[in-house]
C-alpha atoms as a PDB file:
ATOM      1  CA  MET A   1     141.616 220.367   2.444  1.00  0.00           C
ATOM      2  CA  ALA A   2     143.904 222.291   4.785  1.00  0.00           C
ATOM      3  CA  VAL A   3     146.100 219.573   6.177  1.00  0.00           C
ATOM      4  CA  GLU A   4     149.000 221.970   6.560  1.00  0.00           C
ATOM      5  CA  ASP A   5     147.026 224.312   8.841  1.00  0.00           C
ATOM      6  CA  ASP A   6     146.170 221.792  11.558  1.00  0.00           C
ATOM      7  CA  ASP A   7     147.377 223.100  14.933  1.00  0.00           C
ATOM      8  CA  VAL A   8     148.330 219.724  16.403  1.00  0.00           C
ATOM      9  CA  ASP A   9     151.798 218.245  16.001  1.00  0.00           C
ATOM     10  CA  ILE A  10     152.082 214.708  14.713  1.00  0.00           C
ATOM     11  CA  ASN A  11     154.652 212.412  16.337  1.00  0.00           C
ATOM     12  CA  PRO A  12     157.363 212.143  13.664  1.00  0.00           C
ATOM     13  CA  PHE A  13     159.020 209.146  15.268  1.00  0.00           C
ATOM     14  CA  THR A  14     155.983 206.920  14.743  1.00  0.00           C
ATOM     15  CA  MET A  15     155.386 208.130  11.166  1.00  0.00           C
ATOM     16  CA  LEU A  16     158.844 208.663   9.677  1.00  0.00           C
ATOM     17  CA  LEU A  17     159.317 205.325   7.978  1.00  0.00           C
ATOM     18  CA  ILE A  18     157.254 202.590   6.393  1.00  0.00           C
ATOM     19  CA  PRO A  19     157.173 199.768   8.997  1.00  0.00           C
ATOM     20  CA  ASP A  20     159.142 196.824   7.677  1.00  0.00           C
ATOM     21  CA  ASP A  21     156.498 194.337   8.781  1.00  0.00           C
ATOM     22  CA  GLN A  22     153.439 196.256   7.585  1.00  0.00           C
ATOM     23  CA  ASP A  23     154.272 197.563   4.107  1.00  0.00           C
ATOM     24  CA  ASP A  24     152.655 195.345   1.495  1.00  0.00           C
ATOM     25  CA  HIS A  25     154.592 197.073  -1.300  1.00  0.00           C
ATOM     26  CA  THR A  26     158.037 195.971  -0.175  1.00  0.00           C
ATOM     27  CA  GLU A  27     159.719 192.763   0.840  1.00  0.00           C
ATOM     28  CA  PRO A  28     163.278 192.013   1.979  1.00  0.00           C
ATOM     29  CA  SER A  29     165.634 190.942  -0.779  1.00  0.00           C
ATOM     30  CA  SER A  30     169.073 189.387  -0.670  1.00  0.00           C
ATOM     31  CA  THR A  31     169.596 189.444  -4.448  1.00  0.00           C
ATOM     32  CA  LEU A  32     172.315 192.098  -4.357  1.00  0.00           C
ATOM     33  CA  GLN A  33     175.521 192.015  -2.390  1.00  0.00           C
ATOM     34  CA  SER A  34     177.461 195.011  -1.045  1.00  0.00           C
ATOM     35  CA  ASP A  35     179.852 195.816   1.758  1.00  0.00           C
ATOM     36  CA  ALA A  36     177.610 198.628   3.073  1.00  0.00           C
ATOM     37  CA  PRO A  37     176.943 198.049   6.785  1.00  0.00           C
ATOM     38  CA  ASN A  38     173.366 197.629   8.026  1.00  0.00           C
ATOM     39  CA  GLN A  39     171.966 197.686   4.532  1.00  0.00           C
ATOM     40  CA  GLN A  40     168.482 196.490   3.739  1.00  0.00           C
ATOM     41  CA  LEU A  41     167.557 195.560   0.179  1.00  0.00           C
ATOM     42  CA  GLN A  42     163.909 195.673  -0.771  1.00  0.00           C
ATOM     43  CA  HIS A  43     161.959 195.049  -3.938  1.00  0.00           C
ATOM     44  CA  HIS A  44     158.909 197.024  -5.063  1.00  0.00           C
ATOM     45  CA  TYR A  45     156.661 195.304  -7.554  1.00  0.00           C
ATOM     46  CA  ILE A  46     155.130 197.631 -10.154  1.00  0.00           C
ATOM     47  CA  HIS A  47     151.989 196.062 -11.562  1.00  0.00           C
ATOM     48  CA  SER A  48     151.622 198.168 -14.708  1.00  0.00           C
ATOM     49  CA  ILE A  49     154.987 197.071 -16.099  1.00  0.00           C
ATOM     50  CA  GLN A  50     155.136 193.710 -14.294  1.00  0.00           C
ATOM     51  CA  SER A  51     158.592 194.487 -13.022  1.00  0.00           C
ATOM     52  CA  THR A  52     160.414 194.893  -9.742  1.00  0.00           C
ATOM     53  CA  VAL A  53     162.459 197.898  -8.638  1.00  0.00           C
ATOM     54  CA  LEU A  54     165.228 197.113  -6.146  1.00  0.00           C
ATOM     55  CA  ILE A  55     166.125 199.698  -3.512  1.00  0.00           C
ATOM     56  CA  ARG A  56     168.852 199.709  -0.877  1.00  0.00           C
ATOM     57  CA  GLN A  57     168.267 201.402   2.464  1.00  0.00           C
ATOM     58  CA  ILE A  58     171.091 202.074   4.933  1.00  0.00           C
ATOM     59  CA  LYS A  59     169.161 203.319   7.938  1.00  0.00           C
ATOM     60  CA  SER A  60     172.260 203.799  10.086  1.00  0.00           C
ATOM     61  CA  GLN A  61     173.446 206.589   7.750  1.00  0.00           C
ATOM     62  CA  GLY A  62     170.461 208.873   8.282  1.00  0.00           C
ATOM     63  CA  ILE A  63     167.073 209.856   6.904  1.00  0.00           C
ATOM     64  CA  SER A  64     168.309 210.329   3.339  1.00  0.00           C
ATOM     65  CA  PHE A  65     169.098 206.615   3.202  1.00  0.00           C
ATOM     66  CA  GLN A  66     165.659 205.442   4.295  1.00  0.00           C
ATOM     67  CA  LEU A  67     162.298 204.900   2.614  1.00  0.00           C
ATOM     68  CA  TRP A  68     159.597 207.399   3.581  1.00  0.00           C
ATOM     69  CA  PRO A  69     155.831 206.831   3.254  1.00  0.00           C
ATOM     70  CA  ALA A  70     155.136 209.526   0.629  1.00  0.00           C
ATOM     71  CA  ALA A  71     157.525 207.838  -1.812  1.00  0.00           C
ATOM     72  CA  THR A  72     155.360 204.725  -1.887  1.00  0.00           C
ATOM     73  CA  THR A  73     152.267 206.854  -2.497  1.00  0.00           C
ATOM     74  CA  LEU A  74     153.854 208.596  -5.495  1.00  0.00           C
ATOM     75  CA  VAL A  75     155.013 205.286  -6.963  1.00  0.00           C
ATOM     76  CA  SER A  76     151.480 203.901  -6.572  1.00  0.00           C
ATOM     77  CA  LEU A  77     150.023 206.933  -8.379  1.00  0.00           C
ATOM     78  CA  LEU A  78     152.544 206.577 -11.208  1.00  0.00           C
ATOM     79  CA  ASP A  79     151.716 202.867 -11.447  1.00  0.00           C
ATOM     80  CA  ARG A  80     148.007 203.661 -11.714  1.00  0.00           C
ATOM     81  CA  HIS A  81     148.705 206.353 -14.297  1.00  0.00           C
ATOM     82  CA  ARG A  82     150.606 203.919 -16.535  1.00  0.00           C
ATOM     83  CA  ALA A  83     147.702 201.457 -16.281  1.00  0.00           C
ATOM     84  CA  ASP A  84     145.092 204.137 -17.134  1.00  0.00           C
ATOM     85  CA  PRO A  85     146.519 207.541 -18.201  1.00  0.00           C
ATOM     86  CA  SER A  86     143.021 208.990 -18.652  1.00  0.00           C
ATOM     87  CA  SER A  87     142.068 208.773 -14.968  1.00  0.00           C
ATOM     88  CA  GLY A  88     143.542 209.686 -11.598  1.00  0.00           C
ATOM     89  CA  PRO A  89     145.393 212.779 -10.383  1.00  0.00           C
ATOM     90  CA  LEU A  90     148.258 212.584 -12.904  1.00  0.00           C
ATOM     91  CA  THR A  91     146.221 212.883 -16.111  1.00  0.00           C
ATOM     92  CA  SER A  92     148.216 215.970 -17.143  1.00  0.00           C
ATOM     93  CA  LEU A  93     151.222 213.708 -17.791  1.00  0.00           C
ATOM     94  CA  GLY A  94     149.453 212.286 -20.814  1.00  0.00           C
ATOM     95  CA  GLY A  95     149.743 208.761 -22.151  1.00  0.00           C
ATOM     96  CA  GLN A  96     151.953 206.736 -24.436  1.00  0.00           C
ATOM     97  CA  GLY A  97     151.192 209.031 -27.364  1.00  0.00           C
ATOM     98  CA  ARG A  98     153.333 211.945 -26.142  1.00  0.00           C
ATOM     99  CA  ARG A  99     155.379 213.516 -28.917  1.00  0.00           C
ATOM    100  CA  ARG A 100     158.603 212.965 -26.970  1.00  0.00           C
ATOM    101  CA  ARG A 101     159.978 211.344 -23.839  1.00  0.00           C
ATOM    102  CA  LEU A 102     159.176 212.929 -20.518  1.00  0.00           C
ATOM    103  CA  ARG A 103     162.055 214.705 -18.775  1.00  0.00           C
ATOM    104  CA  ILE A 104     161.662 214.513 -15.004  1.00  0.00           C
ATOM    105  CA  LEU A 105     163.651 215.940 -12.099  1.00  0.00           C
ATOM    106  CA  GLU A 106     163.314 214.544  -8.586  1.00  0.00           C
ATOM    107  CA  LEU A 107     164.286 216.769  -5.654  1.00  0.00           C
ATOM    108  CA  GLY A 108     165.669 215.270  -2.445  1.00  0.00           C
ATOM    109  CA  SER A 109     165.657 211.808  -3.980  1.00  0.00           C
ATOM    110  CA  GLY A 110     167.085 209.945  -0.983  1.00  0.00           C
ATOM    111  CA  THR A 111     167.090 206.286  -2.001  1.00  0.00           C
ATOM    112  CA  GLY A 112     165.763 207.194  -5.449  1.00  0.00           C
ATOM    113  CA  LEU A 113     162.662 204.988  -5.327  1.00  0.00           C
ATOM    114  CA  VAL A 114     160.361 207.613  -6.877  1.00  0.00           C
ATOM    115  CA  GLY A 115     162.697 208.747  -9.644  1.00  0.00           C
ATOM    116  CA  ILE A 116     163.850 205.271 -10.632  1.00  0.00           C
ATOM    117  CA  SER A 117     160.263 203.984 -10.643  1.00  0.00           C
ATOM    118  CA  ALA A 118     159.111 206.990 -12.687  1.00  0.00           C
ATOM    119  CA  ALA A 119     161.787 206.293 -15.290  1.00  0.00           C
ATOM    120  CA  ALA A 120     160.711 202.662 -15.600  1.00  0.00           C
ATOM    121  CA  ILE A 121     156.948 203.280 -15.492  1.00  0.00           C
ATOM    122  CA  LEU A 122     156.879 206.236 -17.886  1.00  0.00           C
ATOM    123  CA  GLY A 123     159.874 205.379 -20.073  1.00  0.00           C
ATOM    124  CA  ALA A 124     161.225 208.770 -19.033  1.00  0.00           C
ATOM    125  CA  ASP A 125     164.594 210.475 -18.709  1.00  0.00           C
ATOM    126  CA  VAL A 126     164.856 211.161 -14.970  1.00  0.00           C
ATOM    127  CA  THR A 127     167.471 213.106 -13.053  1.00  0.00           C
ATOM    128  CA  VAL A 128     167.570 212.107  -9.389  1.00  0.00           C
ATOM    129  CA  THR A 129     169.236 214.616  -7.063  1.00  0.00           C
ATOM    130  CA  ASP A 130     170.352 215.027  -3.493  1.00  0.00           C
ATOM    131  CA  LEU A 131     173.293 216.206  -1.419  1.00  0.00           C
ATOM    132  CA  THR A 132     176.740 214.933  -2.379  1.00  0.00           C
ATOM    133  CA  HIS A 133     177.068 212.386   0.436  1.00  0.00           C
ATOM    134  CA  VAL A 134     173.803 210.706  -0.641  1.00  0.00           C
ATOM    135  CA  LEU A 135     174.843 210.201  -4.268  1.00  0.00           C
ATOM    136  CA  PRO A 136     176.791 206.908  -3.915  1.00  0.00           C
ATOM    137  CA  ASN A 137     173.689 205.117  -2.638  1.00  0.00           C
ATOM    138  CA  LEU A 138     171.567 206.770  -5.330  1.00  0.00           C
ATOM    139  CA  ARG A 139     173.998 205.502  -7.968  1.00  0.00           C
ATOM    140  CA  PHE A 140     173.954 202.031  -6.401  1.00  0.00           C
ATOM    141  CA  ASN A 141     170.163 201.918  -6.687  1.00  0.00           C
ATOM    142  CA  ALA A 142     170.150 203.295 -10.225  1.00  0.00           C
ATOM    143  CA  ASP A 143     172.727 200.706 -11.298  1.00  0.00           C
ATOM    144  CA  ALA A 144     170.810 197.936  -9.533  1.00  0.00           C
ATOM    145  CA  ASN A 145     167.831 198.697 -11.757  1.00  0.00           C
ATOM    146  CA  ALA A 146     169.698 199.111 -15.044  1.00  0.00           C
ATOM    147  CA  ASP A 147     168.044 196.056 -16.590  1.00  0.00           C
ATOM    148  CA  VAL A 148     164.473 197.040 -15.758  1.00  0.00           C
ATOM    149  CA  LEU A 149     165.134 200.605 -16.929  1.00  0.00           C
ATOM    150  CA  ALA A 150     166.540 199.407 -20.242  1.00  0.00           C
ATOM    151  CA  ARG A 151     163.652 197.004 -20.712  1.00  0.00           C
ATOM    152  CA  HIS A 152     161.080 199.770 -20.331  1.00  0.00           C
ATOM    153  CA  GLY A 153     162.949 202.564 -22.098  1.00  0.00           C
ATOM    154  CA  GLY A 154     163.779 204.650 -19.027  1.00  0.00           C
ATOM    155  CA  ALA A 155     167.040 206.326 -18.060  1.00  0.00           C
ATOM    156  CA  VAL A 156     168.289 207.711 -14.752  1.00  0.00           C
ATOM    157  CA  GLU A 157     171.006 210.310 -14.212  1.00  0.00           C
ATOM    158  CA  VAL A 158     172.365 211.120 -10.743  1.00  0.00           C
ATOM    159  CA  ALA A 159     173.295 214.715  -9.883  1.00  0.00           C
ATOM    160  CA  ALA A 160     174.148 216.815  -6.840  1.00  0.00           C
ATOM    161  CA  LEU A 161     171.599 219.489  -6.008  1.00  0.00           C
ATOM    162  CA  GLY A 162     171.640 221.419  -2.752  1.00  0.00           C
ATOM    163  CA  TRP A 163     168.486 223.526  -2.625  1.00  0.00           C
ATOM    164  CA  GLY A 164     169.182 227.200  -3.179  1.00  0.00           C
ATOM    165  CA  GLU A 165     172.732 226.516  -4.419  1.00  0.00           C
ATOM    166  CA  ALA A 166     172.851 228.626  -7.585  1.00  0.00           C
ATOM    167  CA  ASP A 167     175.794 226.847  -9.231  1.00  0.00           C
ATOM    168  CA  GLN A 168     174.278 223.400  -8.746  1.00  0.00           C
ATOM    169  CA  MET A 169     170.854 224.576  -9.920  1.00  0.00           C
ATOM    170  CA  GLU A 170     172.406 225.988 -13.078  1.00  0.00           C
ATOM    171  CA  ARG A 171     174.280 222.740 -13.757  1.00  0.00           C
ATOM    172  CA  VAL A 172     171.088 220.685 -13.385  1.00  0.00           C
ATOM    173  CA  GLY A 173     169.205 223.176 -15.532  1.00  0.00           C
ATOM    174  CA  ARG A 174     165.537 223.833 -16.216  1.00  0.00           C
ATOM    175  CA  GLU A 175     164.867 221.493 -19.151  1.00  0.00           C
ATOM    176  CA  PHE A 176     162.246 219.370 -17.439  1.00  0.00           C
ATOM    177  CA  ASP A 177     158.578 218.592 -17.991  1.00  0.00           C
ATOM    178  CA  LEU A 178     157.830 217.591 -14.401  1.00  0.00           C
ATOM    179  CA  ILE A 179     159.392 217.998 -10.953  1.00  0.00           C
ATOM    180  CA  LEU A 180     158.785 215.340  -8.293  1.00  0.00           C
ATOM    181  CA  GLY A 181     159.471 215.220  -4.559  1.00  0.00           C
ATOM    182  CA  SER A 182     158.392 213.131  -1.577  1.00  0.00           C
ATOM    183  CA  ASP A 183     158.635 214.028   2.109  1.00  0.00           C
ATOM    184  CA  VAL A 184     160.908 216.984   1.344  1.00  0.00           C
ATOM    185  CA  VAL A 185     159.232 219.458   3.729  1.00  0.00           C
ATOM    186  CA  TYR A 186     160.754 218.568   7.070  1.00  0.00           C
ATOM    187  CA  HIS A 187     163.654 220.764   8.212  1.00  0.00           C
ATOM    188  CA  GLU A 188     162.563 224.363   8.814  1.00  0.00           C
ATOM    189  CA  HIS A 189     165.890 225.850   7.702  1.00  0.00           C
ATOM    190  CA  LEU A 190     165.353 224.307   4.262  1.00  0.00           C
ATOM    191  CA  PHE A 191     161.909 225.835   3.611  1.00  0.00           C
ATOM    192  CA  ASP A 192     163.285 228.967   1.922  1.00  0.00           C
ATOM    193  CA  PRO A 193     165.986 227.127  -0.102  1.00  0.00           C
ATOM    194  CA  LEU A 194     163.339 224.684  -1.362  1.00  0.00           C
ATOM    195  CA  ILE A 195     161.043 227.541  -2.407  1.00  0.00           C
ATOM    196  CA  LYS A 196     163.976 229.263  -4.120  1.00  0.00           C
ATOM    197  CA  THR A 197     164.760 226.063  -6.022  1.00  0.00           C
ATOM    198  CA  LEU A 198     161.136 225.660  -7.096  1.00  0.00           C
ATOM    199  CA  GLY A 199     161.123 229.299  -8.213  1.00  0.00           C
ATOM    200  CA  PHE A 200     164.122 228.530 -10.419  1.00  0.00           C
ATOM    201  CA  LEU A 201     162.584 225.373 -11.884  1.00  0.00           C
ATOM    202  CA  LEU A 202     158.914 226.271 -12.344  1.00  0.00           C
ATOM    203  CA  VAL A 203     159.404 228.843 -15.050  1.00  0.00           C
ATOM    204  CA  GLU A 204     156.722 230.410 -17.210  1.00  0.00           C
ATOM    205  CA  GLY A 205     156.699 229.137 -20.763  1.00  0.00           C
ATOM    206  CA  GLU A 206     154.638 227.576 -23.507  1.00  0.00           C
ATOM    207  CA  GLU A 207     154.208 224.367 -21.525  1.00  0.00           C
ATOM    208  CA  GLU A 208     153.531 224.545 -17.800  1.00  0.00           C
ATOM    209  CA  VAL A 209     156.023 222.793 -15.535  1.00  0.00           C
ATOM    210  CA  VAL A 210     154.604 221.652 -12.209  1.00  0.00           C
ATOM    211  CA  PHE A 211     155.941 220.202  -8.976  1.00  0.00           C
ATOM    212  CA  VAL A 212     154.110 217.123  -7.679  1.00  0.00           C
ATOM    213  CA  MET A 213     154.934 216.576  -4.016  1.00  0.00           C
ATOM    214  CA  GLY A 214     153.939 213.739  -1.723  1.00  0.00           C
ATOM    215  CA  HIS A 215     153.880 214.880   1.891  1.00  0.00           C
ATOM    216  CA  LEU A 216     153.132 213.319   5.268  1.00  0.00           C
ATOM    217  CA  ARG A 217     152.623 216.031   7.855  1.00  0.00           C
ATOM    218  CA  ARG A 218     154.575 215.753  11.091  1.00  0.00           C
ATOM    219  CA  TRP A 219     155.091 219.257  12.522  1.00  0.00           C
ATOM    220  CA  LYS A 220     152.987 222.392  13.000  1.00  0.00           C
ATOM    221  CA  LYS A 221     155.916 224.424  11.666  1.00  0.00           C
ATOM    222  CA  GLU A 222     155.340 222.958   8.191  1.00  0.00           C
ATOM    223  CA  SER A 223     152.457 225.409   7.782  1.00  0.00           C
ATOM    224  CA  VAL A 224     155.127 228.127   7.410  1.00  0.00           C
ATOM    225  CA  PHE A 225     156.387 226.462   4.239  1.00  0.00           C
ATOM    226  CA  PHE A 226     152.928 226.265   2.698  1.00  0.00           C
ATOM    227  CA  LYS A 227     152.085 229.880   3.564  1.00  0.00           C
ATOM    228  CA  LYS A 228     155.302 231.073   1.895  1.00  0.00           C
ATOM    229  CA  ALA A 229     154.876 228.778  -1.080  1.00  0.00           C
ATOM    230  CA  LYS A 230     151.333 229.992  -1.760  1.00  0.00           C
ATOM    231  CA  LYS A 231     152.650 233.524  -2.322  1.00  0.00           C
ATOM    232  CA  LEU A 232     154.540 232.286  -5.368  1.00  0.00           C
ATOM    233  CA  PHE A 233     152.698 229.164  -6.467  1.00  0.00           C
ATOM    234  CA  ASP A 234     149.174 227.910  -6.954  1.00  0.00           C
ATOM    235  CA  VAL A 235     149.063 224.935  -4.571  1.00  0.00           C
ATOM    236  CA  GLU A 236     146.384 222.282  -5.055  1.00  0.00           C
ATOM    237  CA  VAL A 237     145.704 218.978  -3.294  1.00  0.00           C
ATOM    238  CA  ILE A 238     145.365 216.306  -5.986  1.00  0.00           C
ATOM    239  CA  HIS A 239     145.328 213.134  -3.867  1.00  0.00           C
ATOM    240  CA  SER A 240     144.961 212.075  -0.221  1.00  0.00           C
ATOM    241  CA  ASP A 241     145.634 208.702   1.337  1.00  0.00           C
ATOM    242  CA  ASP A 242     143.499 207.485   4.189  1.00  0.00           C
ATOM    243  CA  PRO A 243     145.391 207.239   7.507  1.00  0.00           C
ATOM    244  CA  THR A 244     146.883 203.805   8.117  1.00  0.00           C
ATOM    245  CA  ASN A 245     148.455 201.868  10.986  1.00  0.00           C
ATOM    246  CA  GLY A 246     146.753 204.018  13.625  1.00  0.00           C
ATOM    247  CA  ALA A 247     148.068 207.315  12.246  1.00  0.00           C
ATOM    248  CA  ARG A 248     145.930 210.471  12.395  1.00  0.00           C
ATOM    249  CA  VAL A 249     146.761 211.651   8.877  1.00  0.00           C
ATOM    250  CA  GLY A 250     147.700 210.057   5.576  1.00  0.00           C
ATOM    251  CA  VAL A 251     149.993 211.121   2.768  1.00  0.00           C
ATOM    252  CA  VAL A 252     148.750 214.130   0.793  1.00  0.00           C
ATOM    253  CA  VAL A 253     149.913 214.832  -2.761  1.00  0.00           C
ATOM    254  CA  TYR A 254     150.130 218.473  -3.845  1.00  0.00           C
ATOM    255  CA  ARG A 255     150.499 220.120  -7.232  1.00  0.00           C
ATOM    256  CA  PHE A 256     152.519 223.364  -7.348  1.00  0.00           C
ATOM    257  CA  ALA A 257     152.301 225.632 -10.401  1.00  0.00           C
ATOM    258  CA  ARG A 258     153.947 229.021 -10.840  1.00  0.00           C
ATOM    259  CA  LYS A 259     151.581 231.984 -10.431  1.00  0.00           C
ATOM    260  CA  LYS A 260     151.628 234.135 -13.532  1.00  0.00           C
ATOM    261  CA  GLY A 261     153.956 237.112 -13.278  1.00  0.00           C
ATOM    262  CA  LYS A 262     155.284 236.211  -9.824  1.00  0.00           C
ATOM    263  CA  SER A 263     158.986 236.447  -9.030  1.00  0.00           C
ATOM    264  CA  LEU A 264     161.000 235.497  -5.979  1.00  0.00           C
ATOM    265  CA  ASN A 265     161.623 239.125  -5.028  1.00  0.00           C
ATOM    266  CA  GLY A 266     160.082 239.806  -1.657  1.00  0.00           C
ATOM    267  CA  VAL A 267     158.806 236.260  -1.226  1.00  0.00           C
ATOM    268  CA  VAL A 268     161.774 234.493   0.328  1.00  0.00           C
ATOM    269  CA  ARG A 269     163.771 236.448   2.848  1.00  0.00           C
END
C-alpha cells in the first residue's frame, strides 16, 4: 500500500479531530474538575482490562491539546493485543510471559492517550514526551489515571523532548523496547528533526527496537517524509483502517525498523 504517494491532498480541516458526536470510543465526562478554560474531559473504555482512561482536551490551546484519530486506532490495536497477544499487527510485543516489563517511549504525545493507555494495557513503563508547554496537560492526564495505572501495573513518566534537540534526546535516553507515535507527521519543518530523533532511538542491538506510528494522511507534502525515512529505515504497513465518516482514507499504522549499517550521515540535510 502506498498511501503516502497519493497525489491528491486531503482536507485537513475535516479530518484533524475525532468528531465529538461520532466517536464511539469516547464520551464526555465531568468527573474531574480543573480551572483550565474550554476543557473537555473524556473517558475511553478499554475492554481488555475493563477500565477507563480519562483524558483532558483543551482545544483552544492548539493541536497538541486535542485528540487525533490515529491515537484511537493505536489504543484499539493495543487493546486487541492484550486480549489476544498471538494475533494482530502487534504480535512482536509478546504476551504476559515477557521476562521483564516493557519500556515504551511515545513521541509527540499531545494529550497522552496512547502512552497512558499503553502503560495500563501492557503493564509497561511508559515515558510520554512533547514540547515543554504541553507537559502540564500531559501531567494532568497522567495523574488523572494514577489509580488505573496502579491497578494494572503500569507507570507513566512525563518528559520534554523536542525532536532533534540533542540535549533532550540524551536526557530521555535510548533504553526503550518500543517507540510509539500518532499523527506526528504533519508540519514539514519537523520532518528532518523527527527522522533525526528516530535515528537516535532506533539503534542496532541484540533486540530490535521499532517505531510504530499511526498516521492519517492530510497533505501531499507528507510523501517527502516517507521518502527520506525509507533511506534509513525499513518502513512497513502493518494495519489500515477503513475510511469513516465520508473520508477518503483511513488511519494507517506503520512499522519503522533501522536498516542494518545505516547512519544519519547524508540522509538528513
